[in-house]
C-alpha atoms as a PDB file:
ATOM      1  CA  UNK A   1     -24.897   8.777   1.115  1.00  0.00           C
ATOM      2  CA  UNK A   2     -24.980  11.735   3.508  1.00  0.00           C
ATOM      3  CA  UNK A   3     -22.297  14.374   3.233  1.00  0.00           C
ATOM      4  CA  UNK A   4     -20.693  13.246   6.629  1.00  0.00           C
ATOM      5  CA  UNK A   5     -20.403   9.676   5.310  1.00  0.00           C
ATOM      6  CA  UNK A   6     -19.038  11.057   2.002  1.00  0.00           C
ATOM      7  CA  UNK A   7     -16.437  13.183   3.805  1.00  0.00           C
ATOM      8  CA  UNK A   8     -15.424  10.276   6.028  1.00  0.00           C
ATOM      9  CA  UNK A   9     -14.971   7.945   2.887  1.00  0.00           C
ATOM     10  CA  UNK A  10     -12.819  10.760   1.097  1.00  0.00           C
ATOM     11  CA  UNK A  11     -10.610  10.984   4.259  1.00  0.00           C
ATOM     12  CA  UNK A  12     -10.244   7.132   4.248  1.00  0.00           C
ATOM     13  CA  UNK A  13      -9.529   7.082   0.638  1.00  0.00           C
ATOM     14  CA  UNK A  14      -6.712   9.544   1.242  1.00  0.00           C
ATOM     15  CA  UNK A  15      -5.382   7.514   4.022  1.00  0.00           C
ATOM     16  CA  UNK A  16      -5.514   4.315   1.687  1.00  0.00           C
ATOM     17  CA  UNK A  17      -3.905   6.332  -1.144  1.00  0.00           C
ATOM     18  CA  UNK A  18      -0.962   7.448   1.262  1.00  0.00           C
ATOM     19  CA  UNK A  19      -0.381   3.916   3.027  1.00  0.00           C
ATOM     20  CA  UNK A  20       3.036   2.488   3.065  1.00  0.00           C
ATOM     21  CA  UNK A  21       3.768  -0.712   1.137  1.00  0.00           C
ATOM     22  CA  UNK A  22       7.211  -1.551   2.396  1.00  0.00           C
ATOM     23  CA  UNK A  23       6.441  -3.163   5.702  1.00  0.00           C
ATOM     24  CA  UNK A  24       7.980  -6.563   6.935  1.00  0.00           C
ATOM     25  CA  UNK A  25       5.801  -9.598   6.756  1.00  0.00           C
ATOM     26  CA  UNK A  26       7.139 -10.568  10.213  1.00  0.00           C
ATOM     27  CA  UNK A  27       8.812  -8.055  12.553  1.00  0.00           C
ATOM     28  CA  UNK A  28      12.462  -8.597  13.123  1.00  0.00           C
ATOM     29  CA  UNK A  29      13.046 -10.937  15.973  1.00  0.00           C
ATOM     30  CA  UNK A  30       9.576 -12.565  15.790  1.00  0.00           C
ATOM     31  CA  UNK A  31       9.392 -16.024  14.439  1.00  0.00           C
ATOM     32  CA  UNK A  32       6.843 -16.615  11.774  1.00  0.00           C
ATOM     33  CA  UNK A  33       3.817 -18.298  12.874  1.00  0.00           C
ATOM     34  CA  UNK A  34       4.262 -16.808  16.570  1.00  0.00           C
ATOM     35  CA  UNK A  35       2.646 -13.432  15.803  1.00  0.00           C
ATOM     36  CA  UNK A  36      -0.066 -12.636  18.273  1.00  0.00           C
ATOM     37  CA  UNK A  37      -3.699 -12.477  17.340  1.00  0.00           C
ATOM     38  CA  UNK A  38      -4.220  -9.695  19.998  1.00  0.00           C
ATOM     39  CA  UNK A  39      -5.871  -6.874  17.936  1.00  0.00           C
ATOM     40  CA  UNK A  40      -4.050  -3.993  19.657  1.00  0.00           C
ATOM     41  CA  UNK A  41      -0.815  -5.496  18.804  1.00  0.00           C
ATOM     42  CA  UNK A  42      -1.767  -6.254  15.303  1.00  0.00           C
ATOM     43  CA  UNK A  43      -2.948  -2.508  15.040  1.00  0.00           C
ATOM     44  CA  UNK A  44       0.370  -1.230  16.279  1.00  0.00           C
ATOM     45  CA  UNK A  45       2.618  -3.715  14.260  1.00  0.00           C
ATOM     46  CA  UNK A  46       0.784  -3.138  10.970  1.00  0.00           C
ATOM     47  CA  UNK A  47      -1.049   0.031  10.977  1.00  0.00           C
ATOM     48  CA  UNK A  48       0.925   2.520  13.241  1.00  0.00           C
ATOM     49  CA  UNK A  49       3.938   2.147  11.167  1.00  0.00           C
ATOM     50  CA  UNK A  50       2.237   4.290   8.320  1.00  0.00           C
ATOM     51  CA  UNK A  51      -0.611   5.935   9.927  1.00  0.00           C
ATOM     52  CA  UNK A  52      -1.435   8.172  12.927  1.00  0.00           C
ATOM     53  CA  UNK A  53      -4.183   6.320  14.844  1.00  0.00           C
ATOM     54  CA  UNK A  54      -5.472   9.462  16.547  1.00  0.00           C
ATOM     55  CA  UNK A  55      -8.319   9.692  14.043  1.00  0.00           C
ATOM     56  CA  UNK A  56      -9.695   6.308  14.772  1.00  0.00           C
ATOM     57  CA  UNK A  57     -12.381   7.475  17.207  1.00  0.00           C
ATOM     58  CA  UNK A  58     -14.099   9.391  14.440  1.00  0.00           C
ATOM     59  CA  UNK A  59     -15.768   6.207  13.186  1.00  0.00           C
ATOM     60  CA  UNK A  60     -16.942   5.203  16.646  1.00  0.00           C
ATOM     61  CA  UNK A  61     -20.727   5.869  15.781  1.00  0.00           C
ATOM     62  CA  UNK A  62     -20.172   4.898  12.291  1.00  0.00           C
ATOM     63  CA  UNK A  63     -18.336   1.796  11.550  1.00  0.00           C
ATOM     64  CA  UNK A  64     -18.997  -1.762  12.659  1.00  0.00           C
ATOM     65  CA  UNK A  65     -16.841  -4.830  11.913  1.00  0.00           C
ATOM     66  CA  UNK A  66     -17.927  -5.317   8.236  1.00  0.00           C
ATOM     67  CA  UNK A  67     -16.567  -1.676   7.444  1.00  0.00           C
ATOM     68  CA  UNK A  68     -13.516  -2.182   9.459  1.00  0.00           C
ATOM     69  CA  UNK A  69     -12.816  -5.602   7.602  1.00  0.00           C
ATOM     70  CA  UNK A  70     -13.398  -3.833   4.423  1.00  0.00           C
ATOM     71  CA  UNK A  71     -10.718  -1.156   5.226  1.00  0.00           C
ATOM     72  CA  UNK A  72      -8.365  -3.793   6.582  1.00  0.00           C
ATOM     73  CA  UNK A  73      -8.664  -5.603   3.310  1.00  0.00           C
ATOM     74  CA  UNK A  74      -8.107  -2.332   1.344  1.00  0.00           C
ATOM     75  CA  UNK A  75      -4.883  -1.828   3.322  1.00  0.00           C
ATOM     76  CA  UNK A  76      -3.666  -5.361   2.373  1.00  0.00           C
ATOM     77  CA  UNK A  77      -4.169  -4.190  -1.366  1.00  0.00           C
ATOM     78  CA  UNK A  78      -1.786  -1.397  -0.560  1.00  0.00           C
ATOM     79  CA  UNK A  79       0.884  -3.715   0.993  1.00  0.00           C
ATOM     80  CA  UNK A  80      -0.278  -4.394   4.689  1.00  0.00           C
ATOM     81  CA  UNK A  81       0.723  -8.160   5.407  1.00  0.00           C
ATOM     82  CA  UNK A  82      -1.862  -9.916   7.484  1.00  0.00           C
ATOM     83  CA  UNK A  83      -2.980 -13.468   7.818  1.00  0.00           C
ATOM     84  CA  UNK A  84      -6.637 -14.174   7.340  1.00  0.00           C
ATOM     85  CA  UNK A  85      -6.878 -14.823  11.234  1.00  0.00           C
ATOM     86  CA  UNK A  86      -4.993 -11.546  11.715  1.00  0.00           C
ATOM     87  CA  UNK A  87      -7.686  -9.726   9.527  1.00  0.00           C
ATOM     88  CA  UNK A  88     -10.445 -11.290  11.737  1.00  0.00           C
ATOM     89  CA  UNK A  89      -8.823 -10.343  14.873  1.00  0.00           C
ATOM     90  CA  UNK A  90      -7.974  -6.794  13.815  1.00  0.00           C
ATOM     91  CA  UNK A  91     -11.401  -6.160  12.375  1.00  0.00           C
ATOM     92  CA  UNK A  92     -13.098  -7.347  15.604  1.00  0.00           C
ATOM     93  CA  UNK A  93     -10.625  -5.247  17.694  1.00  0.00           C
ATOM     94  CA  UNK A  94     -11.451  -2.096  15.678  1.00  0.00           C
ATOM     95  CA  UNK A  95     -15.199  -2.660  15.938  1.00  0.00           C
ATOM     96  CA  UNK A  96     -15.101  -3.030  19.647  1.00  0.00           C
ATOM     97  CA  UNK A  97     -12.501  -0.232  20.397  1.00  0.00           C
ATOM     98  CA  UNK A  98     -13.242   2.295  17.657  1.00  0.00           C
ATOM     99  CA  UNK A  99     -16.551   1.235  16.174  1.00  0.00           C
ATOM    100  CA  UNK A 100     -20.105   0.768  16.732  1.00  0.00           C
ATOM    101  CA  UNK A 101     -19.621  -2.429  18.748  1.00  0.00           C
ATOM    102  CA  UNK A 102     -18.045  -0.046  21.443  1.00  0.00           C
ATOM    103  CA  UNK A 103     -21.435   0.805  22.718  1.00  0.00           C
ATOM    104  CA  UNK A 104     -22.418   4.232  24.181  1.00  0.00           C
END
């Protein structure tokens, strides 16, 4: 593991450690089962409540969908509430918008 990758892993570990755990399963006013599978909406609804999303671009040349999926699953361990379909949609979105799938 390179120093750069190790440093990024430490930053992500710190983010994971500081994640909030008290989020709602479904936002107020939204019926269960009607939540959007739009990755941007999921990111805003489930991640931005606890995290500043400005640092996501730091992973554009480093993380693909498997790495993003792993991080999303880690956040579920800290209390993020996502369905399996939302995990897939969010992981794909992050890989395309903020990961190696974004292209040059």
